[in-house]
C-alpha atoms as a PDB file:
ATOM      1  CA  MET A   1      76.085  45.798 -69.611  1.00  0.00           C
ATOM      2  CA  LYS A   2      73.090  48.139 -69.388  1.00  0.00           C
ATOM      3  CA  LEU A   3      70.772  45.553 -67.797  1.00  0.00           C
ATOM      4  CA  ILE A   4      73.121  44.974 -64.839  1.00  0.00           C
ATOM      5  CA  THR A   5      73.609  48.733 -64.460  1.00  0.00           C
ATOM      6  CA  THR A   6      69.844  49.274 -64.545  1.00  0.00           C
ATOM      7  CA  LEU A   7      69.244  46.555 -61.929  1.00  0.00           C
ATOM      8  CA  HIS A   8      71.868  48.114 -59.636  1.00  0.00           C
ATOM      9  CA  LEU A   9      70.450  51.606 -60.110  1.00  0.00           C
ATOM     10  CA  ILE A  10      66.960  50.407 -59.169  1.00  0.00           C
ATOM     11  CA  LEU A  11      68.156  48.842 -55.917  1.00  0.00           C
ATOM     12  CA  ALA A  12      70.413  51.774 -55.076  1.00  0.00           C
ATOM     13  CA  HIS A  13      67.647  54.337 -55.569  1.00  0.00           C
ATOM     14  CA  LEU A  14      64.495  52.643 -54.220  1.00  0.00           C
ATOM     15  CA  GLY A  15      64.875  54.184 -50.770  1.00  0.00           C
ATOM     16  CA  LYS A  16      65.718  57.563 -52.262  1.00  0.00           C
ATOM     17  CA  ALA A  17      62.648  57.362 -54.500  1.00  0.00           C
ATOM     18  CA  LEU A  18      60.446  56.613 -51.492  1.00  0.00           C
ATOM     19  CA  ILE A  19      61.858  59.601 -49.600  1.00  0.00           C
ATOM     20  CA  LEU A  20      61.327  61.852 -52.637  1.00  0.00           C
ATOM     21  CA  CYS A  21      57.844  60.565 -53.536  1.00  0.00           C
ATOM     22  CA  PRO A  22      56.009  59.425 -50.398  1.00  0.00           C
ATOM     23  CA  LEU A  23      52.714  61.024 -51.450  1.00  0.00           C
ATOM     24  CA  ILE A  24      52.428  59.179 -54.770  1.00  0.00           C
ATOM     25  CA  ILE A  25      53.235  55.865 -53.067  1.00  0.00           C
ATOM     26  CA  LEU A  26      50.662  56.581 -50.339  1.00  0.00           C
ATOM     27  CA  ILE A  27      48.118  57.292 -53.071  1.00  0.00           C
ATOM     28  CA  VAL A  28      48.857  53.887 -54.643  1.00  0.00           C
ATOM     29  CA  ILE A  29      48.611  52.131 -51.268  1.00  0.00           C
ATOM     30  CA  SER A  30      45.348  53.949 -50.519  1.00  0.00           C
ATOM     31  CA  ALA A  31      43.861  53.105 -53.917  1.00  0.00           C
ATOM     32  CA  GLU A  32      44.667  49.417 -53.430  1.00  0.00           C
ATOM     33  CA  GLY A  33      43.355  49.569 -49.870  1.00  0.00           C
ATOM     34  CA  LEU A  34      40.087  51.133 -51.031  1.00  0.00           C
ATOM     35  CA  GLN A  35      39.694  48.439 -53.656  1.00  0.00           C
ATOM     36  CA  HIS A  36      40.198  45.794 -50.947  1.00  0.00           C
ATOM     37  CA  PHE A  37      37.661  47.581 -48.734  1.00  0.00           C
ATOM     38  CA  VAL A  38      35.080  47.493 -51.541  1.00  0.00           C
ATOM     39  CA  GLU A  39      35.848  43.824 -52.178  1.00  0.00           C
ATOM     40  CA  TRP A  40      35.484  43.118 -48.455  1.00  0.00           C
ATOM     41  CA  GLN A  41      32.130  44.904 -48.353  1.00  0.00           C
ATOM     42  CA  LEU A  42      30.976  42.844 -51.335  1.00  0.00           C
ATOM     43  CA  GLY A  43      31.879  39.667 -49.419  1.00  0.00           C
ATOM     44  CA  MET A  44      34.517  38.661 -51.936  1.00  0.00           C
ATOM     45  CA  TYR A  45      36.988  37.408 -49.339  1.00  0.00           C
ATOM     46  CA  GLN A  46      34.601  34.924 -47.762  1.00  0.00           C
ATOM     47  CA  SER A  47      35.630  32.255 -50.278  1.00  0.00           C
ATOM     48  CA  LYS A  48      37.091  31.709 -53.719  1.00  0.00           C
ATOM     49  CA  GLY A  49      33.580  31.113 -55.045  1.00  0.00           C
ATOM     50  CA  ALA A  50      32.352  34.426 -53.646  1.00  0.00           C
ATOM     51  CA  PHE A  51      35.369  36.198 -55.139  1.00  0.00           C
ATOM     52  CA  GLN A  52      34.796  34.680 -58.564  1.00  0.00           C
ATOM     53  CA  ALA A  53      31.070  35.442 -58.469  1.00  0.00           C
ATOM     54  CA  LYS A  54      31.646  39.148 -57.777  1.00  0.00           C
ATOM     55  CA  GLN A  55      34.906  39.881 -59.587  1.00  0.00           C
ATOM     56  CA  SER A  56      33.076  41.710 -62.391  1.00  0.00           C
ATOM     57  CA  ASN A  57      31.225  44.047 -60.020  1.00  0.00           C
ATOM     58  CA  GLY A  58      31.239  47.557 -61.474  1.00  0.00           C
ATOM     59  CA  THR A  59      32.166  49.301 -58.226  1.00  0.00           C
ATOM     60  CA  ARG A  60      35.066  46.937 -57.676  1.00  0.00           C
ATOM     61  CA  LEU A  61      36.269  47.434 -61.248  1.00  0.00           C
ATOM     62  CA  SER A  62      36.023  51.225 -60.872  1.00  0.00           C
ATOM     63  CA  PHE A  63      38.306  51.141 -57.851  1.00  0.00           C
ATOM     64  CA  GLY A  64      40.622  48.807 -59.765  1.00  0.00           C
ATOM     65  CA  ILE A  65      40.875  51.366 -62.556  1.00  0.00           C
ATOM     66  CA  VAL A  66      41.710  54.086 -60.017  1.00  0.00           C
ATOM     67  CA  LYS A  67      44.433  51.838 -58.604  1.00  0.00           C
ATOM     68  CA  ALA A  68      45.844  51.153 -62.070  1.00  0.00           C
ATOM     69  CA  ILE A  69      45.889  54.875 -62.855  1.00  0.00           C
ATOM     70  CA  SER A  70      47.749  55.542 -59.595  1.00  0.00           C
ATOM     71  CA  VAL A  71      50.422  52.977 -60.538  1.00  0.00           C
ATOM     72  CA  VAL A  72      50.820  54.539 -63.990  1.00  0.00           C
ATOM     73  CA  MET A  73      51.118  57.967 -62.361  1.00  0.00           C
ATOM     74  CA  ALA A  74      53.917  56.584 -60.170  1.00  0.00           C
ATOM     75  CA  CYS A  75      55.693  55.566 -63.388  1.00  0.00           C
ATOM     76  CA  TYR A  76      55.655  59.234 -64.324  1.00  0.00           C
ATOM     77  CA  PHE A  77      56.197  61.120 -61.052  1.00  0.00           C
ATOM     78  CA  VAL A  78      58.853  58.854 -59.483  1.00  0.00           C
ATOM     79  CA  PRO A  79      61.275  59.021 -62.449  1.00  0.00           C
ATOM     80  CA  LYS A  80      60.536  62.723 -62.889  1.00  0.00           C
ATOM     81  CA  LYS A  81      61.520  63.411 -59.270  1.00  0.00           C
ATOM     82  CA  LEU A  82      64.571  61.120 -59.439  1.00  0.00           C
ATOM     83  CA  SER A  83      65.680  62.886 -62.628  1.00  0.00           C
ATOM     84  CA  SER A  84      65.319  66.307 -61.041  1.00  0.00           C
ATOM     85  CA  VAL A  85      67.559  65.278 -58.130  1.00  0.00           C
ATOM     86  CA  PHE A  86      69.999  62.763 -59.639  1.00  0.00           C
ATOM     87  CA  GLY A  87      69.784  63.411 -63.400  1.00  0.00           C
ATOM     88  CA  PRO A  88      69.759  62.555 -66.220  1.00  0.00           C
ATOM     89  CA  PRO A  89      66.782  64.355 -67.679  1.00  0.00           C
ATOM     90  CA  PRO A  90      64.062  61.937 -68.779  1.00  0.00           C
ATOM     91  CA  LYS A  91      64.260  60.758 -72.378  1.00  0.00           C
ATOM     92  CA  PHE A  92      60.796  62.018 -73.149  1.00  0.00           C
ATOM     93  CA  GLY A  93      59.436  65.293 -71.939  1.00  0.00           C
ATOM     94  CA  THR A  94      55.877  65.013 -70.722  1.00  0.00           C
ATOM     95  CA  PHE A  95      53.354  62.553 -69.405  1.00  0.00           C
ATOM     96  CA  ASN A  96      50.981  63.408 -72.230  1.00  0.00           C
ATOM     97  CA  ARG A  97      53.683  62.531 -74.726  1.00  0.00           C
ATOM     98  CA  ASP A  98      55.095  59.028 -74.815  1.00  0.00           C
ATOM     99  CA  ILE A  99      54.506  57.530 -71.321  1.00  0.00           C
ATOM    100  CA  ILE A 100      54.358  54.072 -72.905  1.00  0.00           C
ATOM    101  CA  ARG A 101      57.578  54.689 -74.824  1.00  0.00           C
ATOM    102  CA  LYS A 102      59.102  55.909 -71.568  1.00  0.00           C
ATOM    103  CA  LEU A 103      58.550  52.445 -70.107  1.00  0.00           C
ATOM    104  CA  TRP A 104      60.054  50.729 -73.125  1.00  0.00           C
ATOM    105  CA  ASP A 105      61.816  52.442 -75.984  1.00  0.00           C
ATOM    106  CA  PRO A 106      62.898  49.968 -78.668  1.00  0.00           C
ATOM    107  CA  ARG A 107      65.491  52.488 -79.859  1.00  0.00           C
ATOM    108  CA  GLY A 108      67.207  52.349 -76.469  1.00  0.00           C
ATOM    109  CA  GLY A 109      67.026  48.609 -75.958  1.00  0.00           C
ATOM    110  CA  LEU A 110      65.031  46.446 -73.603  1.00  0.00           C
ATOM    111  CA  HIS A 111      67.163  46.808 -70.472  1.00  0.00           C
ATOM    112  CA  GLY A 112      64.727  49.138 -68.656  1.00  0.00           C
ATOM    113  CA  MET A 113      61.705  46.933 -69.271  1.00  0.00           C
ATOM    114  CA  ILE A 114      63.559  43.695 -68.517  1.00  0.00           C
ATOM    115  CA  ALA A 115      64.926  45.134 -65.263  1.00  0.00           C
ATOM    116  CA  MET A 116      61.424  46.244 -64.293  1.00  0.00           C
ATOM    117  CA  LEU A 117      60.067  42.764 -64.976  1.00  0.00           C
ATOM    118  CA  ILE A 118      62.856  41.063 -63.029  1.00  0.00           C
ATOM    119  CA  TYR A 119      61.884  42.992 -59.902  1.00  0.00           C
ATOM    120  CA  ALA A 120      58.139  43.390 -60.546  1.00  0.00           C
ATOM    121  CA  VAL A 121      57.106  39.852 -61.496  1.00  0.00           C
ATOM    122  CA  PRO A 122      57.915  38.336 -58.073  1.00  0.00           C
ATOM    123  CA  LEU A 123      55.947  41.139 -56.395  1.00  0.00           C
ATOM    124  CA  ILE A 124      52.992  40.556 -58.705  1.00  0.00           C
ATOM    125  CA  LEU A 125      53.065  36.823 -57.967  1.00  0.00           C
ATOM    126  CA  ILE A 126      53.120  37.523 -54.214  1.00  0.00           C
ATOM    127  CA  HIS A 127      50.217  39.964 -54.696  1.00  0.00           C
ATOM    128  CA  TYR A 128      48.007  37.395 -56.408  1.00  0.00           C
ATOM    129  CA  ASN A 129      48.929  34.629 -53.978  1.00  0.00           C
ATOM    130  CA  LEU A 130      48.342  36.909 -50.986  1.00  0.00           C
ATOM    131  CA  SER A 131      44.898  37.852 -52.276  1.00  0.00           C
ATOM    132  CA  GLU A 132      44.014  34.210 -52.834  1.00  0.00           C
ATOM    133  CA  PHE A 133      45.397  33.200 -49.433  1.00  0.00           C
ATOM    134  CA  SER A 134      43.261  35.917 -47.812  1.00  0.00           C
ATOM    135  CA  MET A 135      40.006  34.319 -48.963  1.00  0.00           C
ATOM    136  CA  GLY A 136      38.332  32.820 -45.920  1.00  0.00           C
ATOM    137  CA  HIS A 137      41.399  33.489 -43.715  1.00  0.00           C
ATOM    138  CA  PRO A 138      40.697  34.913 -40.245  1.00  0.00           C
ATOM    139  CA  MET A 139      43.576  37.396 -40.670  1.00  0.00           C
ATOM    140  CA  ALA A 140      42.351  38.570 -44.091  1.00  0.00           C
ATOM    141  CA  PRO A 141      42.159  42.300 -43.198  1.00  0.00           C
ATOM    142  CA  LEU A 142      45.792  42.308 -42.060  1.00  0.00           C
ATOM    143  CA  LEU A 143      46.884  40.311 -45.118  1.00  0.00           C
ATOM    144  CA  LEU A 144      45.041  42.743 -47.382  1.00  0.00           C
ATOM    145  CA  PHE A 145      46.740  45.675 -45.644  1.00  0.00           C
ATOM    146  CA  PHE A 146      50.144  44.088 -46.369  1.00  0.00           C
ATOM    147  CA  ASP A 147      49.007  43.482 -49.943  1.00  0.00           C
ATOM    148  CA  SER A 148      48.194  47.197 -50.310  1.00  0.00           C
ATOM    149  CA  VAL A 149      51.690  48.098 -49.098  1.00  0.00           C
ATOM    150  CA  LEU A 150      53.105  45.530 -51.526  1.00  0.00           C
ATOM    151  CA  ILE A 151      51.347  47.279 -54.422  1.00  0.00           C
ATOM    152  CA  GLY A 152      52.881  50.563 -53.238  1.00  0.00           C
ATOM    153  CA  LEU A 153      56.286  48.867 -53.368  1.00  0.00           C
ATOM    154  CA  LEU A 154      55.489  47.555 -56.848  1.00  0.00           C
ATOM    155  CA  ALA A 155      54.674  51.084 -58.047  1.00  0.00           C
ATOM    156  CA  LEU A 156      57.893  52.364 -56.471  1.00  0.00           C
ATOM    157  CA  VAL A 157      59.919  49.657 -58.243  1.00  0.00           C
ATOM    158  CA  MET A 158      58.240  50.380 -61.565  1.00  0.00           C
ATOM    159  CA  GLY A 159      58.778  54.130 -61.322  1.00  0.00           C
ATOM    160  CA  THR A 160      62.381  53.706 -60.234  1.00  0.00           C
ATOM    161  CA  ALA A 161      62.939  51.269 -63.111  1.00  0.00           C
ATOM    162  CA  VAL A 162      61.724  53.862 -65.624  1.00  0.00           C
ATOM    163  CA  TRP A 163      64.309  56.319 -64.295  1.00  0.00           C
ATOM    164  CA  ALA A 164      67.056  53.689 -64.034  1.00  0.00           C
ATOM    165  CA  GLY A 165      66.572  52.644 -67.673  1.00  0.00           C
ATOM    166  CA  ASP A 166      67.108  56.264 -68.737  1.00  0.00           C
ATOM    167  CA  ALA A 167      70.068  56.681 -66.377  1.00  0.00           C
ATOM    168  CA  ALA A 168      71.772  53.499 -67.611  1.00  0.00           C
ATOM    169  CA  ASP A 169      71.617  54.833 -71.164  1.00  0.00           C
ATOM    170  CA  VAL A 170      73.713  57.878 -70.325  1.00  0.00           C
ATOM    171  CA  LEU A 171      76.224  56.308 -67.927  1.00  0.00           C
ATOM    172  CA  LYS A 172      79.615  55.503 -69.362  1.00  0.00           C
ATOM    173  CA  PRO A 173      80.716  51.888 -68.842  1.00  0.00           C
ATOM    174  CA  SER A 174      83.495  51.712 -66.255  1.00  0.00           C
END
């Protein structure tokens, strides 16, 4: 079953992906950290009310866009590097062509996207709960640092899942 194969490939190659792509993951962590820094400077972590009042701040949203772009870039560079070392070649050739289809190609089935969600959704839930828990907490800066690392892990999982979905398509069932 391709889903099980994809899930196994993700777990087996996460560490390898981190070794091959430390810079892109550090960029994601830094982008999330900078967004937290801006939020901290805006006073958003003083309370839930302060967070809600300032969540539409333009500077905060700009840093959020940079973070989102860094995660999308990880979904391109991580599978590209994994493919160059472990094969197979990516299904689709360039970032400018078909990055969305690379994440989910209905012609190839849903196993890549489902595997990504299985591993990503718990990380996303932890991310949102950690951010909420940080509001008004005396250890908020440390919690936000761990949250930034968590987003780096999320990007690593997503990028590895893109590669694993492609790899599962070419592996012969044993």
